[in-house]
Protein backbone atom coordinates (compact mmCIF):
# COMPACT_ATOMS: atom_id res chain seq x y z
CA UNK A 1 41.70 -8.85 11.02
CA UNK A 2 40.08 -11.31 13.39
CA UNK A 3 37.14 -13.02 11.60
CA UNK A 4 35.15 -13.28 14.84
CA UNK A 5 35.15 -9.53 15.53
CA UNK A 6 31.60 -9.06 14.21
CA UNK A 7 30.30 -12.01 16.21
CA UNK A 8 31.79 -10.55 19.40
CA UNK A 9 30.37 -7.09 18.58
CA UNK A 10 26.95 -8.64 17.99
CA UNK A 11 27.13 -10.52 21.32
CA UNK A 12 28.28 -7.40 23.18
CA UNK A 13 25.49 -5.23 21.70
CA UNK A 14 22.84 -7.87 22.32
CA UNK A 15 23.93 -8.25 25.95
CA UNK A 16 23.84 -4.47 26.47
CA UNK A 17 20.13 -4.18 25.66
CA UNK A 18 17.71 -4.53 28.53
CA UNK A 19 14.41 -6.01 27.28
CA UNK A 20 12.48 -3.83 29.74
CA UNK A 21 14.04 -0.70 28.24
CA UNK A 22 12.73 -1.63 24.78
CA UNK A 23 9.05 -1.44 25.66
CA UNK A 24 7.08 0.73 23.28
CA UNK A 25 7.17 4.34 24.28
CA UNK A 26 3.92 6.15 24.77
CA UNK A 27 5.15 8.93 22.51
CA UNK A 28 5.17 8.19 18.78
CA UNK A 29 8.16 9.10 16.66
CA UNK A 30 7.57 11.89 14.05
CA UNK A 31 7.77 9.31 11.23
CA UNK A 32 4.96 7.29 12.82
CA UNK A 33 2.99 10.47 13.49
CA UNK A 34 3.31 11.39 9.80
CA UNK A 35 1.96 7.98 8.76
CA UNK A 36 -0.96 8.32 11.16
CA UNK A 37 -1.73 11.85 9.89
CA UNK A 38 -1.70 10.64 6.27
CA UNK A 39 -4.05 7.83 7.24
CA UNK A 40 -6.39 10.27 9.02
CA UNK A 41 -6.58 12.45 5.89
CA UNK A 42 -8.33 9.59 4.09
CA UNK A 43 -11.24 9.81 6.55
CA UNK A 44 -11.58 13.57 6.15
CA UNK A 45 -14.40 14.60 3.76
CA UNK A 46 -12.56 17.83 2.91
CA UNK A 47 -9.49 15.89 1.71
CA UNK A 48 -11.09 12.76 0.25
CA UNK A 49 -14.40 12.90 -1.64
CA UNK A 50 -14.76 9.12 -1.22
CA UNK A 51 -14.12 9.28 2.54
CA UNK A 52 -17.05 6.92 3.24
CA UNK A 53 -15.24 4.12 1.35
CA UNK A 54 -11.88 4.69 3.02
CA UNK A 55 -10.44 1.85 5.11
CA UNK A 56 -7.75 2.73 7.61
CA UNK A 57 -4.32 1.17 7.17
CA UNK A 58 -4.14 0.56 10.92
CA UNK A 59 -7.50 -1.07 11.66
CA UNK A 60 -6.48 -4.61 12.68
CA UNK A 61 -4.60 -5.67 15.79
CA UNK A 62 -1.69 -6.94 13.68
CA UNK A 63 -1.36 -3.63 11.83
CA UNK A 64 -1.35 -1.75 15.14
CA UNK A 65 1.22 -4.20 16.53
CA UNK A 66 3.39 -3.63 13.44
CA UNK A 67 3.24 0.13 14.03
CA UNK A 68 4.26 -0.33 17.69
CA UNK A 69 7.23 -2.50 16.69
CA UNK A 70 8.35 0.06 14.11
CA UNK A 71 8.00 2.89 16.66
CA UNK A 72 10.08 0.94 19.21
CA UNK A 73 12.71 0.11 16.58
CA UNK A 74 12.97 3.74 15.48
CA UNK A 75 13.48 4.99 19.05
CA UNK A 76 16.02 2.23 19.80
CA UNK A 77 18.02 2.96 16.63
CA UNK A 78 17.91 6.70 17.34
CA UNK A 79 19.26 6.08 20.85
CA UNK A 80 22.15 4.14 19.27
CA UNK A 81 23.11 7.18 17.17
CA UNK A 82 21.60 6.26 13.80
CA UNK A 83 19.84 8.85 11.64
CA UNK A 84 16.42 7.83 10.36
CA UNK A 85 14.04 8.68 7.56
CA UNK A 86 11.11 7.11 5.74
CA UNK A 87 10.48 6.14 2.15
CA UNK A 88 6.92 4.86 1.93
CA UNK A 89 6.71 1.90 4.29
CA UNK A 90 10.51 1.44 4.37
CA UNK A 91 12.54 2.98 7.18
CA UNK A 92 15.88 4.35 5.98
CA UNK A 93 18.69 4.00 8.51
CA UNK A 94 21.80 6.13 7.99
CA UNK A 95 25.22 5.82 9.55
CA UNK A 96 27.49 8.60 8.34
CA UNK A 97 27.04 8.62 4.57
CA UNK A 98 25.95 4.96 4.44
CA UNK A 99 22.29 3.98 4.16
CA UNK A 100 20.22 0.86 4.44
CA UNK A 101 16.54 0.05 4.86
CA UNK A 102 14.42 -2.13 7.02
CA UNK A 103 10.81 -3.11 6.72
CA UNK A 104 8.31 -4.85 8.97
CA UNK A 105 5.67 -6.67 6.92
CA UNK A 106 2.69 -8.87 7.54
CA UNK A 107 2.71 -12.29 5.92
CA UNK A 108 -0.04 -13.63 3.71
CA UNK A 109 -1.63 -17.02 3.36
CA UNK A 110 -1.75 -18.95 0.13
CA UNK A 111 -4.72 -18.55 -2.20
CA UNK A 112 -7.43 -21.18 -1.80
CA UNK A 113 -7.12 -22.37 -5.43
CA UNK A 114 -4.45 -22.10 -8.05
CA UNK A 115 -6.88 -20.14 -10.24
CA UNK A 116 -7.81 -17.63 -7.53
CA UNK A 117 -6.91 -13.98 -7.67
CA UNK A 118 -3.30 -13.08 -6.79
CA UNK A 119 -4.47 -11.07 -3.76
CA UNK A 120 -3.62 -12.97 -0.61
CA UNK A 121 -5.28 -12.65 2.74
CA UNK A 122 -3.03 -11.36 5.59
CA UNK A 123 -2.36 -14.02 8.21
CA UNK A 124 -1.15 -11.89 11.17
CA UNK A 125 2.42 -13.20 10.97
CA UNK A 126 4.98 -10.32 11.14
CA UNK A 127 8.52 -10.36 9.81
CA UNK A 128 11.36 -7.86 9.69
CA UNK A 129 14.06 -7.65 7.03
CA UNK A 130 17.20 -5.51 6.74
CA UNK A 131 18.38 -4.70 3.21
CA UNK A 132 22.11 -4.61 3.94
CA UNK A 133 25.20 -6.69 3.35
CA UNK A 134 26.15 -8.26 6.64
CA UNK A 135 29.02 -10.59 7.51
CA UNK A 136 28.33 -14.32 7.43
CA UNK A 137 26.50 -15.54 10.51
CA UNK A 138 24.73 -12.24 11.24
CA UNK A 139 20.99 -12.42 10.67
CA UNK A 140 19.16 -10.20 8.19
CA UNK A 141 15.61 -11.42 8.68
CA UNK A 142 13.39 -12.25 11.65
CA UNK A 143 9.87 -13.61 11.95
CA UNK A 144 7.23 -14.30 14.53
CA UNK A 145 7.67 -17.78 15.92
CA UNK A 146 5.67 -19.81 18.35
CA UNK A 147 6.65 -18.60 21.82
CA UNK A 148 8.89 -15.82 20.42
CA UNK A 149 7.04 -12.90 18.83
CA UNK A 150 8.90 -10.30 16.80
CA UNK A 151 8.90 -7.91 19.78
CA UNK A 152 11.36 -10.21 21.57
CA UNK A 153 13.74 -10.02 18.59
CA UNK A 154 14.32 -6.26 18.75
CA UNK A 155 17.70 -6.61 20.55
CA UNK A 156 18.80 -9.00 17.76
CA UNK A 157 17.79 -6.48 15.11
CA UNK A 158 19.58 -3.59 16.86
CA UNK A 159 22.69 -5.75 17.25
CA UNK A 160 22.66 -6.50 13.51
CA UNK A 161 22.44 -2.78 12.73
CA UNK A 162 25.39 -2.14 15.05
CA UNK A 163 27.43 -4.78 13.22
CA UNK A 164 26.44 -3.19 9.88
CA UNK A 165 27.56 0.25 11.11
CA UNK A 166 30.88 -1.13 12.36
CA UNK A 167 31.42 -2.90 9.05
CA UNK A 168 30.74 0.33 7.15
CA UNK A 169 33.13 2.25 9.41
CA UNK A 170 35.90 -0.31 8.88
CA UNK A 171 35.42 -0.37 5.09
CA UNK A 172 35.54 3.43 4.96
CA UNK A 173 38.83 3.49 6.88
CA UNK A 174 40.55 1.05 4.50
CA UNK A 175 42.88 2.72 1.98
């Protein structure tokens, strides 16, 4: 087998994605709607007796941006033929009987002192990570960078999932 086949597949998939087509859709995916409904239950006095102390999980601009990126990723993966599900904050991506996860998380700054509490303050820096074995040279993690936010990396992420699916298909066909 040609060792560059995955690199060519990645390049072909990346080139096929139009950045304008990956803009966040106005309609939320059912997984995102479920997360928003669970969050809204915390503010409801009938559901939560301590509703007045409840803080929404999507109150900052970075948390809303993270939700938009996840929604865009889910719709893009669905359009590529992947099946999707959720396990907490992880998104489960299925191809045939194979599964992997991806997660978009917000980074945290270091504590002020070495003796400070382990809780770290979010810094607004988003990163995405795929929990899958990928061939050498194919990225598994992406982060916000100066001049290149995570939203611009969505075609890279989709291309990596396509390579993962092709790798799973090839391994399944081996005797």
